[in-house]
Protein backbone atom coordinates (compact mmCIF):
# COMPACT_ATOMS: atom_id res chain seq x y z
CA MET A 1 8.62 31.79 -3.49
CA SER A 2 5.49 30.92 -5.44
CA LYS A 3 2.44 29.24 -3.98
CA ILE A 4 1.79 25.52 -4.56
CA LYS A 5 -0.75 24.54 -7.19
CA TYR A 6 -2.95 21.50 -6.53
CA THR A 7 -4.42 19.26 -9.20
CA PRO A 8 -8.21 19.93 -9.46
CA LEU A 9 -10.51 17.06 -8.51
CA ASP A 10 -11.52 16.37 -12.08
CA ASN A 11 -7.87 16.12 -13.24
CA SER A 12 -5.05 13.71 -12.40
CA TYR A 13 -1.55 12.72 -13.34
CA CYS A 14 -3.09 9.41 -14.55
CA GLU A 15 -5.04 11.36 -17.12
CA LYS A 16 -1.97 13.49 -17.93
CA SER A 17 -3.62 16.57 -16.48
CA GLY A 18 -1.84 17.05 -13.16
CA ALA A 19 -1.12 20.57 -11.92
CA TYR A 20 2.60 20.14 -12.65
CA GLU A 21 2.20 17.70 -15.59
CA GLU A 22 4.83 19.29 -17.85
CA ASP A 23 7.31 19.75 -14.97
CA TYR A 24 6.70 16.16 -13.87
CA HIS A 25 7.70 14.66 -17.25
CA LYS A 26 10.67 16.99 -17.69
CA LEU A 27 11.99 16.35 -14.16
CA TYR A 28 11.34 12.61 -14.32
CA SER A 29 13.35 12.24 -17.55
CA GLU A 30 16.20 14.35 -16.13
CA LEU A 31 16.35 13.01 -12.55
CA VAL A 32 15.07 9.42 -12.40
CA PRO A 33 17.20 6.59 -13.81
CA SER A 34 15.54 3.81 -15.82
CA SER A 35 16.36 1.41 -12.93
CA GLY A 36 17.70 1.68 -9.46
CA CYS A 37 17.98 4.65 -7.16
CA SER A 38 18.69 8.21 -8.19
CA LYS A 39 21.92 9.96 -7.31
CA THR A 40 20.14 13.14 -6.16
CA ILE A 41 17.59 14.00 -3.50
CA HIS A 42 15.17 15.42 -6.07
CA GLY A 43 15.48 12.30 -8.21
CA GLU A 44 14.78 10.05 -5.24
CA LEU A 45 11.78 12.14 -4.16
CA LEU A 46 10.25 11.93 -7.63
CA ARG A 47 11.11 8.24 -8.02
CA CYS A 48 9.52 7.31 -4.68
CA ALA A 49 6.39 9.41 -5.22
CA SER A 50 6.00 7.95 -8.72
CA ASN A 51 6.39 4.39 -7.37
CA LEU A 52 3.60 5.00 -4.84
CA TYR A 53 1.35 6.61 -7.47
CA HIS A 54 1.94 3.82 -10.01
CA GLU A 55 1.34 1.07 -7.44
CA PHE A 56 -2.07 2.44 -6.54
CA PHE A 57 -3.40 3.33 -9.95
CA ASN A 58 -1.96 0.33 -11.82
CA ASN A 59 -2.06 -2.41 -9.13
CA GLY A 60 -4.57 -1.22 -6.54
CA ASN A 61 -1.82 -1.32 -3.90
CA CYS A 62 -1.91 -5.14 -3.95
CA ASN A 63 1.90 -5.12 -3.73
CA ALA A 64 2.13 -2.23 -1.28
CA VAL A 65 -0.02 -3.45 1.60
CA GLU A 66 -0.66 -6.75 3.28
CA ILE A 67 -2.78 -7.99 6.12
CA GLU A 68 -0.87 -9.68 8.90
CA SER A 69 -2.36 -13.06 9.68
CA SER A 70 -1.74 -16.04 11.89
CA TYR A 71 -3.07 -19.56 12.13
CA GLU A 72 -4.30 -21.32 15.23
CA THR A 73 -5.65 -24.83 15.61
CA GLU A 74 -9.16 -24.99 16.96
CA TYR A 75 -11.00 -28.08 18.11
CA ASN A 76 -14.65 -28.21 17.14
CA ARG A 77 -17.34 -30.81 17.68
CA CYS A 78 -17.24 -33.44 14.97
CA ASN A 79 -20.38 -33.23 12.83
CA ASP A 80 -20.01 -36.79 11.52
CA CYS A 81 -20.51 -38.40 14.93
CA ASP A 82 -22.35 -35.51 16.63
CA GLY A 83 -19.39 -35.11 19.01
CA ASP A 84 -19.63 -38.44 20.82
CA GLY A 85 -16.80 -40.19 18.89
CA THR A 86 -18.77 -43.18 17.70
CA LEU A 87 -20.98 -43.90 14.71
CA PRO A 88 -24.38 -45.63 14.92
CA ASP A 89 -22.72 -49.04 14.34
CA GLU A 90 -20.63 -48.49 17.55
CA GLU A 91 -17.37 -48.04 15.62
CA ASP A 92 -15.05 -45.12 16.22
CA CYS A 93 -15.66 -42.18 13.93
CA GLU A 94 -12.94 -42.07 11.24
CA VAL A 95 -13.18 -38.30 10.86
CA CYS A 96 -12.29 -37.47 14.49
CA GLY A 97 -10.63 -40.78 15.44
CA GLY A 98 -13.14 -41.32 18.18
CA SER A 99 -12.36 -38.13 20.08
CA GLY A 100 -15.59 -36.35 19.17
CA GLU A 101 -13.55 -33.30 18.14
CA LYS A 102 -12.20 -32.25 14.80
CA GLU A 103 -9.01 -30.19 14.39
CA GLU A 104 -9.26 -27.15 12.14
CA ASP A 105 -6.61 -24.58 11.28
CA VAL A 106 -8.20 -21.14 11.43
CA GLU A 107 -6.64 -18.04 9.96
CA TYR A 108 -6.91 -14.87 12.02
CA PHE A 109 -6.39 -11.54 10.36
CA GLY A 110 -4.58 -8.70 12.07
CA LYS A 111 -3.72 -5.21 11.08
CA THR A 112 -2.97 -3.96 7.61
CA ILE A 113 0.61 -2.89 7.06
CA ILE A 114 2.56 -1.18 4.28
CA VAL A 115 5.26 -3.52 3.03
CA ASP A 116 8.90 -2.56 3.46
CA HIS A 117 9.62 -1.53 -0.13
CA PHE A 118 6.83 0.99 -0.21
CA GLN A 119 7.35 2.10 3.37
CA ASN A 120 10.95 2.88 2.36
CA ASP A 121 9.61 5.14 -0.42
CA ILE A 122 7.42 6.93 2.13
CA ASP A 123 10.35 7.24 4.57
CA ILE A 124 12.59 8.79 1.90
CA ILE A 125 9.94 11.41 1.08
CA LYS A 126 9.41 12.06 4.81
CA LYS A 127 13.14 12.53 5.32
CA TYR A 128 13.78 14.99 2.48
CA ALA A 129 10.39 16.67 2.11
CA PRO A 130 8.65 16.44 5.50
CA GLU A 131 5.94 18.90 4.49
CA VAL A 132 4.41 16.36 2.08
CA SER A 133 1.01 14.95 3.16
CA LEU A 134 2.25 11.46 4.02
CA LYS A 135 0.05 10.76 7.03
CA GLU A 136 -3.02 11.14 4.85
CA LEU A 137 -1.48 8.88 2.22
CA GLN A 138 -0.55 6.14 4.72
CA ALA A 139 -4.02 6.24 6.28
CA PHE A 140 -5.57 5.83 2.84
CA MET A 141 -3.25 2.95 1.91
CA ILE A 142 -4.05 1.02 5.09
CA LYS A 143 -7.81 1.35 4.48
CA LEU A 144 -7.38 -0.87 1.40
CA GLU A 145 -9.66 1.34 -0.64
CA MET A 146 -9.65 1.22 -4.41
CA GLY A 147 -11.34 3.29 -7.04
CA ASP A 148 -12.06 6.82 -7.99
CA ASP A 149 -13.28 8.10 -4.65
CA PRO A 150 -12.15 11.59 -3.66
CA GLU A 151 -9.74 10.19 -1.07
CA SER A 152 -7.62 8.61 -3.83
CA LYS A 153 -6.79 12.20 -4.85
CA ILE A 154 -4.22 12.07 -2.07
CA TYR A 155 -1.84 10.57 -4.64
CA ASP A 156 -2.17 13.65 -6.87
CA LYS A 157 -1.67 15.84 -3.80
CA VAL A 158 1.50 14.02 -2.84
CA LEU A 159 2.88 14.34 -6.39
CA ASP A 160 1.92 18.03 -6.43
CA GLU A 161 3.74 18.63 -3.12
CA VAL A 162 6.82 16.64 -4.14
CA ILE A 163 7.13 18.46 -7.46
CA PHE A 164 6.59 21.83 -5.77
CA HIS A 165 9.36 20.94 -3.25
CA ILE A 166 11.68 19.97 -6.12
CA LEU A 167 10.98 23.21 -7.95
CA SER A 168 11.45 25.26 -4.74
CA THR A 169 14.63 23.75 -3.31
CA GLU A 170 18.22 23.13 -4.29
CA ASN A 171 19.00 19.65 -5.59
CA LEU A 172 21.73 17.86 -3.64
CA THR A 173 23.69 14.73 -4.35
CA LEU A 174 22.99 11.74 -2.15
């Protein structure tokens, strides 16, 4: 068995210079249908890895990750009446209804999660090619980073590893 090739830092599949660029295009046209799931393991691996790659480089992962949030009602001192419920003319404050407090809905942000569709792509790769660097990829996705920093090269690494797996193993029907 040959040794895996990794895409150099100054190259990428985006720039059509990935380590397995020719293999990628040949395999993609042979194995991945124009829509829907593939009928083979290799086709699904390449489809899922390509989905993840495309989502990051074309959409910045805006469809792949979301931040869980919740709303809670908070009661804060009314600024219009300085919290005493009445205005200088002795009438009840209209803003707080004379309570001295104003209701506000406050959004609290929780953890960042990978949405189901893209998590399913990761799970398929994990199931059929467990050697692929998915923990690194998931950690990067959750950081919500965008741009050309060296960590984004994890997408090239995942494609390299998926293509190497495809070239090194027998293709089976799903």
